[in-house]
Protein backbone atom coordinates (compact mmCIF):
# COMPACT_ATOMS: atom_id res chain seq x y z
CA MET A 1 -13.75 12.32 -2.61
CA ILE A 2 -13.60 10.10 0.79
CA GLN A 3 -14.41 11.82 3.74
CA PRO A 4 -13.91 10.80 7.33
CA ASP A 5 -17.48 10.86 8.36
CA ASP A 6 -18.82 9.28 5.20
CA GLU A 7 -21.52 7.25 6.45
CA ALA A 8 -20.80 4.12 3.61
CA TYR A 9 -17.75 3.43 5.36
CA LEU A 10 -19.75 2.98 8.77
CA GLU A 11 -18.10 0.07 10.65
CA ARG A 12 -15.92 -0.81 7.93
CA GLU A 13 -13.62 2.54 8.33
CA GLN A 14 -10.30 0.68 7.54
CA SER A 15 -11.81 0.25 3.94
CA ALA A 16 -12.04 4.02 3.50
CA VAL A 17 -8.18 4.26 4.67
CA LYS A 18 -7.19 1.43 2.34
CA GLN A 19 -8.94 3.40 -0.80
CA TYR A 20 -7.66 6.73 0.21
CA VAL A 21 -4.12 5.33 -0.01
CA LEU A 22 -4.86 3.67 -3.44
CA ARG A 23 -6.62 6.64 -4.62
CA GLU A 24 -3.89 9.05 -3.52
CA TYR A 25 -1.14 6.99 -5.32
CA LEU A 26 -3.14 5.85 -8.38
CA LEU A 27 -3.44 9.70 -9.84
CA PRO A 28 0.50 10.26 -9.80
CA PHE A 29 1.36 6.79 -10.87
CA ALA A 30 -1.15 7.15 -13.83
CA LEU A 31 0.69 10.55 -14.45
CA ILE A 32 3.94 9.74 -14.40
CA VAL A 33 3.67 6.20 -16.38
CA GLY A 34 1.15 7.89 -19.00
CA THR A 35 3.87 10.32 -20.19
CA TRP A 36 5.70 7.60 -21.86
CA LYS A 37 3.58 4.48 -21.70
CA ASP A 38 -0.05 3.09 -22.00
CA ILE A 39 -1.76 1.98 -18.61
CA ALA A 40 -3.46 -1.10 -17.12
CA TYR A 41 -5.42 -1.34 -13.72
CA ILE A 42 -5.76 -4.90 -12.72
CA ASP A 43 -7.90 -5.65 -9.53
CA CYS A 44 -7.82 -9.20 -8.63
CA CYS A 45 -10.26 -9.38 -5.93
CA ALA A 46 -12.84 -6.53 -6.92
CA GLY A 47 -16.00 -7.59 -5.40
CA PRO A 48 -18.11 -5.61 -4.87
CA TRP A 49 -18.30 -6.06 -0.94
CA GLN A 50 -20.20 -4.37 1.40
CA SER A 51 -21.01 -1.39 -1.12
CA ARG A 52 -23.42 1.11 0.07
CA ALA A 53 -22.90 3.95 -2.06
CA LYS A 54 -24.60 4.72 -5.43
CA ASP A 55 -22.81 3.35 -8.41
CA TYR A 56 -20.43 1.58 -5.87
CA ALA A 57 -18.66 4.95 -5.29
CA ASP A 58 -17.34 3.37 -2.05
CA THR A 59 -15.45 0.52 -3.68
CA SER A 60 -11.71 -0.05 -4.87
CA PHE A 61 -12.72 -0.49 -8.54
CA ALA A 62 -14.74 2.86 -8.75
CA ILE A 63 -12.21 4.68 -6.84
CA ALA A 64 -9.57 3.50 -9.47
CA ILE A 65 -11.81 4.50 -12.22
CA ASN A 66 -12.06 7.77 -11.08
CA ALA A 67 -8.31 8.53 -10.39
CA LEU A 68 -7.43 7.06 -13.82
CA LYS A 69 -9.99 9.20 -15.31
CA ASN A 70 -8.53 12.30 -13.84
CA ALA A 71 -5.12 11.42 -14.41
CA ARG A 72 -6.04 11.01 -18.29
CA ALA A 73 -8.04 14.43 -18.38
CA GLU A 74 -4.73 16.03 -17.01
CA LEU A 75 -2.39 14.09 -19.35
CA SER A 76 -4.71 15.23 -22.29
CA LYS A 77 -4.09 19.22 -21.11
CA GLN A 78 -0.23 17.95 -21.75
CA GLY A 79 -0.87 16.72 -25.18
CA ARG A 80 -0.43 12.93 -24.11
CA ASN A 81 -3.01 10.54 -24.52
CA PRO A 82 -2.07 7.23 -23.31
CA ASN A 83 -4.40 4.19 -23.75
CA VAL A 84 -6.05 3.13 -20.20
CA SER A 85 -7.49 -0.18 -19.60
CA CYS A 86 -8.83 -1.73 -16.65
CA LEU A 87 -9.49 -5.56 -15.70
CA PHE A 88 -11.57 -6.53 -13.04
CA ILE A 89 -11.79 -9.95 -11.69
CA GLU A 90 -14.06 -11.62 -9.06
CA GLU A 91 -14.50 -14.86 -8.31
CA LYS A 92 -18.03 -14.97 -6.56
CA VAL A 93 -20.85 -15.16 -9.01
CA SER A 94 -23.23 -12.98 -7.51
CA ALA A 95 -20.74 -10.38 -6.97
CA PHE A 96 -19.36 -10.55 -10.43
CA GLN A 97 -22.71 -10.16 -11.95
CA GLN A 98 -22.78 -6.78 -10.25
CA LEU A 99 -19.35 -6.21 -11.08
CA LYS A 100 -20.27 -6.82 -14.90
CA LYS A 101 -22.90 -4.39 -14.96
CA PHE A 102 -20.86 -1.71 -13.70
CA CYS A 103 -18.07 -2.66 -16.31
CA GLU A 104 -20.77 -2.40 -19.06
CA ARG A 105 -21.73 1.04 -18.05
CA GLN A 106 -18.23 2.71 -18.33
CA HIS A 107 -17.29 3.99 -21.71
CA ASP A 108 -14.73 6.58 -20.89
CA LEU A 109 -11.95 3.88 -20.42
CA LYS A 110 -11.08 0.27 -21.58
CA VAL A 111 -13.06 -1.69 -18.90
CA GLU A 112 -13.44 -5.51 -18.84
CA ALA A 113 -14.73 -8.01 -15.88
CA LEU A 114 -13.44 -11.42 -15.56
CA GLN A 115 -15.23 -14.11 -13.39
CA GLY A 116 -13.13 -16.47 -11.56
CA ASP A 117 -10.02 -17.19 -9.13
CA PHE A 118 -7.38 -14.60 -10.20
CA THR A 119 -4.48 -17.37 -9.42
CA GLN A 120 -6.16 -19.50 -11.67
CA LYS A 121 -6.62 -16.76 -14.78
CA ILE A 122 -3.02 -15.83 -15.39
CA SER A 123 -3.16 -16.98 -18.81
CA GLU A 124 -6.45 -14.44 -19.42
CA ILE A 125 -4.46 -11.69 -17.40
CA LYS A 126 -1.40 -12.16 -19.64
CA ALA A 127 -3.70 -12.02 -22.66
CA PHE A 128 -5.41 -8.85 -21.55
CA LEU A 129 -2.31 -7.17 -21.40
CA LYS A 130 -1.08 -8.30 -24.71
CA LYS A 131 -4.36 -7.14 -26.57
CA HIS A 132 -3.64 -3.87 -25.23
CA ASN A 133 -0.14 -3.58 -26.45
CA ASP A 134 1.57 -4.32 -23.10
CA PRO A 135 0.83 -1.43 -20.88
CA PHE A 136 2.28 -1.02 -17.85
CA PRO A 137 0.20 -2.63 -15.20
CA PHE A 138 -0.73 -1.77 -11.51
CA PHE A 139 -2.01 -5.03 -9.90
CA PHE A 140 -4.09 -4.42 -6.82
CA ILE A 141 -4.59 -7.65 -4.74
CA ASP A 142 -7.07 -7.31 -2.20
CA PRO A 143 -8.19 -10.77 -0.84
CA LYS A 144 -10.82 -11.48 1.74
CA GLY A 145 -8.40 -14.26 3.63
CA TRP A 146 -4.67 -15.27 3.16
CA LYS A 147 -4.58 -18.12 0.90
CA SER A 148 -4.97 -16.22 -2.25
CA ILE A 149 -1.52 -14.25 -1.44
CA ARG A 150 0.77 -17.08 -1.00
CA LEU A 151 3.55 -16.75 -3.02
CA PRO A 152 3.47 -19.89 -5.42
CA SER A 153 0.06 -18.29 -6.11
CA ILE A 154 1.10 -15.02 -7.20
CA LYS A 155 4.47 -15.62 -8.58
CA PRO A 156 3.67 -15.26 -12.17
CA ILE A 157 2.06 -11.73 -11.41
CA LEU A 158 5.03 -10.72 -9.19
CA GLU A 159 7.21 -11.50 -12.31
CA ILE A 160 5.44 -9.18 -14.95
CA ASN A 161 8.12 -6.68 -15.80
CA PRO A 162 7.42 -3.66 -15.94
CA GLY A 163 4.60 -3.71 -12.91
CA GLU A 164 3.98 -3.15 -9.54
CA VAL A 165 1.80 -4.65 -7.08
CA LEU A 166 -0.44 -3.77 -4.04
CA ILE A 167 -1.16 -6.39 -1.88
CA ASN A 168 -3.52 -6.22 1.11
CA PHE A 169 -1.78 -8.26 3.87
CA MET A 170 -4.96 -9.24 6.00
CA THR A 171 -2.92 -8.80 9.36
CA SER A 172 -5.89 -9.27 11.63
CA HIS A 173 -7.15 -12.60 9.80
CA ILE A 174 -3.54 -14.12 9.79
CA ARG A 175 -3.21 -13.18 13.48
CA ARG A 176 -5.67 -15.63 14.40
CA PHE A 177 -4.58 -18.51 12.26
CA LEU A 178 -0.67 -18.10 12.70
CA GLY A 179 -0.59 -20.25 16.33
CA LEU A 180 -2.54 -23.03 14.41
CA GLU A 181 -0.69 -26.54 13.43
CA GLY A 182 -1.30 -27.96 10.07
CA LEU A 183 -1.57 -24.63 8.08
CA ASP A 184 0.81 -24.10 5.17
CA PHE A 185 2.45 -20.70 6.18
CA ASP A 186 5.72 -21.68 4.27
CA ALA A 187 3.86 -20.70 1.44
CA LEU A 188 3.12 -17.38 2.80
CA LEU A 189 6.07 -16.44 4.61
CA GLY A 190 8.67 -18.32 3.42
CA GLN A 191 10.33 -21.61 4.25
CA GLY A 192 10.94 -22.07 7.82
CA ASN A 193 9.84 -18.56 9.04
CA ALA A 194 6.41 -19.25 10.69
CA PRO A 195 7.28 -20.97 13.78
CA GLU A 196 9.54 -18.31 14.99
CA ILE A 197 6.99 -16.06 13.88
CA ALA A 198 4.15 -17.71 15.79
CA SER A 199 6.10 -17.77 18.78
CA LEU A 200 5.95 -14.08 19.16
CA HIS A 201 3.02 -12.16 20.65
CA GLY A 202 1.03 -8.97 19.80
CA SER A 203 2.64 -6.01 17.58
CA GLU A 204 5.83 -8.17 17.34
CA ARG A 205 4.24 -10.98 15.72
CA ASP A 206 2.26 -8.65 13.40
CA GLU A 207 5.27 -6.80 12.29
CA ALA A 208 7.41 -9.84 11.80
CA ALA A 209 4.46 -11.60 9.83
CA VAL A 210 4.42 -8.58 7.56
CA PHE A 211 8.04 -7.82 7.30
CA THR A 212 8.97 -11.24 6.49
CA TYR A 213 6.15 -11.51 3.97
CA ALA A 214 7.39 -8.10 2.22
CA SER A 215 10.59 -9.48 2.03
CA GLU A 216 9.33 -12.78 0.25
CA VAL A 217 7.26 -10.87 -1.99
CA LYS A 218 10.68 -8.28 -2.80
CA LYS A 219 12.45 -11.53 -3.75
CA THR A 220 9.76 -13.21 -5.84
CA GLY A 221 9.27 -10.27 -7.90
CA ASN A 222 12.74 -8.89 -8.22
CA TYR A 223 11.47 -5.66 -7.02
CA ASP A 224 14.14 -2.90 -6.42
CA TYR A 225 11.66 -1.35 -3.69
CA ILE A 226 9.22 -2.71 -1.18
CA SER A 227 7.65 -0.90 1.39
CA THR A 228 4.52 -1.71 3.99
CA THR A 229 1.86 0.73 5.30
CA VAL A 230 -0.43 -0.01 8.19
CA VAL A 231 -3.97 0.48 8.22
CA PRO A 232 -5.10 0.51 12.05
CA ASN A 233 -8.07 -0.79 13.24
CA PRO A 234 -10.47 1.88 13.90
CA LEU A 235 -11.38 1.29 17.39
CA GLN A 236 -8.37 -0.64 18.78
CA ALA A 237 -4.62 0.05 19.07
CA GLN A 238 -3.55 -2.49 16.67
CA ALA A 239 -3.23 -3.08 12.98
CA HIS A 240 -6.14 -4.01 11.04
CA PHE A 241 -4.13 -5.04 8.05
CA HIS A 242 -1.13 -3.63 5.96
CA LEU A 243 -0.78 -2.99 2.66
CA ILE A 244 2.41 -3.93 0.50
CA TYR A 245 3.75 -2.17 -2.11
CA GLY A 246 6.37 -3.43 -4.83
CA THR A 247 8.00 -1.35 -7.72
CA ARG A 248 11.28 -1.33 -9.75
CA LYS A 249 10.88 2.32 -10.12
CA TRP A 250 12.41 4.98 -7.85
CA ILE A 251 9.63 7.35 -8.57
CA GLY A 252 7.29 4.72 -7.69
CA ILE A 253 8.46 4.20 -4.27
CA LYS A 254 8.84 8.13 -3.95
CA LYS A 255 5.29 8.61 -4.74
CA PHE A 256 3.84 5.86 -2.76
CA LYS A 257 5.71 7.28 0.40
CA GLU A 258 3.90 10.39 -0.47
CA ALA A 259 0.44 8.92 -0.70
CA GLU A 260 1.30 7.16 2.70
CA LYS A 261 1.89 10.65 4.33
CA ARG A 262 -1.05 12.20 2.97
CA THR A 263 -2.98 9.01 4.37
CA PHE A 264 -1.51 9.65 7.91
CA GLY A 265 -3.80 12.35 9.02
CA PHE A 266 -6.82 10.77 7.40
CA ALA A 267 -6.32 7.74 9.48
CA GLY A 268 -6.36 9.36 12.34
CA GLN A 269 -9.35 11.25 11.62
CA ILE A 270 -11.06 8.28 10.59
CA ARG A 271 -10.18 6.57 14.33
CA LYS A 272 -11.20 9.66 15.94
CA GLN A 273 -14.68 9.24 14.24
CA ALA A 274 -15.40 5.83 14.72
CA GLN A 275 -14.40 6.00 18.60
CA ARG A 276 -16.53 8.74 18.91
CA ARG A 277 -19.48 6.99 17.20
CA ALA A 278 -18.52 3.88 19.68
CA ARG A 279 -18.84 5.86 22.71
CA GLU A 280 -22.05 7.58 21.86
CA LYS A 281 -23.31 4.16 21.15
CA ARG A 282 -22.68 2.87 24.68
CA THR A 283 -23.82 5.86 26.46
CA SER A 284 -26.86 6.39 24.07
CA GLN A 285 -25.94 10.25 24.33
CA PRO A 286 -24.01 12.24 21.74
CA GLU A 287 -20.92 13.79 22.54
CA PHE A 288 -19.52 17.69 22.37
CA GLN A 289 -16.23 18.64 21.38
CA PHE A 290 -14.63 21.48 23.15
CA PRO A 291 -11.68 23.55 22.35
CA GLY A 292 -8.26 21.77 23.36
CA GLN A 293 -9.87 18.29 22.71
CA GLU A 294 -8.18 17.77 19.57
CA GLN A 295 -5.16 15.09 20.57
CA ASP A 296 -6.86 12.16 21.83
CA THR A 297 -6.04 8.57 22.17
CA SER A 298 -6.62 7.65 18.29
CA GLU A 299 -4.16 10.51 17.40
CA GLN A 300 -1.68 9.02 20.19
CA TYR A 301 -1.73 5.83 18.89
CA MET A 302 -0.81 6.71 15.27
CA ASP A 303 1.94 9.28 16.87
CA LYS A 304 3.46 6.38 18.70
CA LEU A 305 3.26 4.05 15.73
CA ARG A 306 4.98 6.40 13.78
CA TYR A 307 7.85 7.07 16.36
CA ARG A 308 8.37 3.10 16.61
CA PHE A 309 8.84 2.57 12.97
CA LEU A 310 11.13 5.81 12.64
CA GLU A 311 13.33 4.33 15.27
CA LEU A 312 13.17 0.76 13.56
CA ALA A 313 14.12 2.36 10.33
CA GLU A 314 17.00 4.23 11.82
CA THR A 315 18.38 1.46 13.34
CA ARG A 316 18.22 -0.73 10.09
CA LEU A 317 19.94 2.56 8.23
CA LEU A 318 22.72 2.46 10.68
CA GLU A 319 23.24 -1.10 10.34
CA ALA A 320 23.89 -0.80 6.83
CA ILE A 321 26.07 2.29 7.13
CA ASN A 322 28.09 0.56 9.73
CA SER A 323 28.54 -2.79 7.61
CA GLY A 324 31.41 -1.16 5.76
CA ARG A 325 29.68 -1.82 2.21
CA GLU A 326 29.75 1.56 -0.26
CA ASN A 327 26.24 2.54 -0.26
CA THR A 328 24.27 5.09 -2.67
CA TYR A 329 21.49 7.39 -1.72
CA HIS A 330 19.54 5.16 -3.45
CA ASP A 331 20.50 1.77 -1.53
CA LEU A 332 19.92 3.42 1.92
CA ALA A 333 16.51 5.01 0.86
CA ALA A 334 15.41 1.49 -0.10
CA ILE A 335 16.25 0.15 3.35
CA TYR A 336 15.19 3.18 5.19
CA LEU A 337 11.41 3.34 3.32
CA ARG A 338 10.50 -0.31 3.89
CA ARG A 339 8.94 0.57 7.08
CA PRO A 340 5.48 1.74 7.43
CA LEU A 341 5.14 5.78 8.07
CA VAL A 342 8.43 7.02 7.51
CA TRP A 343 9.03 9.45 4.45
CA GLU A 344 11.64 10.47 2.50
CA SER A 345 11.82 13.85 4.41
CA ASP A 346 12.57 11.90 7.52
CA PHE A 347 15.34 10.23 5.68
CA ARG A 348 16.88 13.10 4.67
CA SER A 349 16.87 14.76 8.22
CA LEU A 350 18.69 11.71 9.45
CA LEU A 351 21.26 11.78 6.65
CA GLU A 352 21.63 15.64 7.32
CA GLU A 353 22.05 14.74 11.22
CA LEU A 354 24.77 12.23 10.53
CA MET A 355 26.87 14.46 8.16
CA THR A 356 26.65 17.22 10.98
CA LYS A 357 27.84 14.54 13.51
CA LYS A 358 30.62 13.57 11.03
CA ILE A 359 29.38 10.03 10.78
CA ILE A 360 28.81 9.86 7.05
CA LYS A 361 30.27 11.56 4.10
CA ILE A 362 28.10 12.09 1.08
CA GLU A 363 29.41 12.57 -2.22
CA ASP A 364 29.04 16.04 -3.56
CA ALA A 365 26.42 16.91 -0.93
CA LYS A 366 24.63 20.51 -0.67
CA PRO A 367 23.02 22.31 2.07
CA GLY A 368 19.68 20.46 2.66
CA LEU A 369 20.45 17.80 0.34
CA ARG A 370 19.20 19.69 -2.61
CA SER A 371 19.43 18.15 -6.03
CA ILE A 372 21.33 14.96 -4.28
CA SER A 373 21.78 12.48 -7.05
CA GLU A 374 20.09 8.95 -6.47
CA THR A 375 23.70 7.20 -7.05
CA ALA A 376 25.58 9.57 -4.86
CA ARG A 377 27.71 7.76 -2.75
CA ILE A 378 27.64 7.74 1.07
CA ARG A 379 30.13 6.27 3.16
CA LYS A 380 31.19 5.79 6.77
CA LEU A 381 33.85 8.24 8.08
């Protein structure tokens, strides 16, 4: 269990938030998929990097192994026993040697290690899937920079169907390079989008870059649903990186947004702990917490961020409703849930408000939108 004050994540608190999201999603993912198909988890940039914990417990691959083991145990209680396989890929030789030793110690799941640049190992990845009877794969792409996630490089992975993907978009890294000339950002952000994004500043630039990239991922992989979530800088009021999730399943986006919702409070706690440690380091004195001091600047930042994305999601939803097109619950949910830190409960509340104001009509709507069909038609009055 990842804790906000875990010393293994000292001065890399953003990794704790990233891994919290991964863990919170992988368990329900495996429980759902495992009821009808075998599962494969593929970590394309496994590491280990900066691990301080015994047996790499603070790494994404160890977090994934534990989540998948727990899921398989739960499925076994239901009389279901899907095969669960893992492929961990690492380019750097020294890190790969550590990773390989870790994999050799795993006996409960089918775990393999592969050395090399994952973008050059597509044939090996597909052979791995074929060997394990074409399971439902979940790809985690967590590079150190941005070149590995350029769309031409990862297109063969995104096109695997069925399949889902979670990509770490290194916002803080990309932020530093967007204004430089001579870098091929078309391969990352789509043809011709980079100059306009580079002309923006601060959070507007960050959000334009990540939302544009997410749209290109959706298009390239032909995903029905795409969503982004923000992992904040632990010490500053800005994003450290964003995670981009793509799926072709409605249940997938529902569960991912539920995982994001559970992570929201954890991210605030992480920021609070990091900022307290930074203040203590500056003053060389421990801080004492008094009752009533719970709401601090770290929580205020997260709350403001959420309110901003709620406004953006509502604006985009109203644009879709006012377009005159016939929309379904699915259609509008896919639009609304693309933004970070907005959830299906927010979406439902907004639809109920619009119904009350007689702005929209929802086919066969019940109070509280109970048991609403995913294909229920929604039209403007």
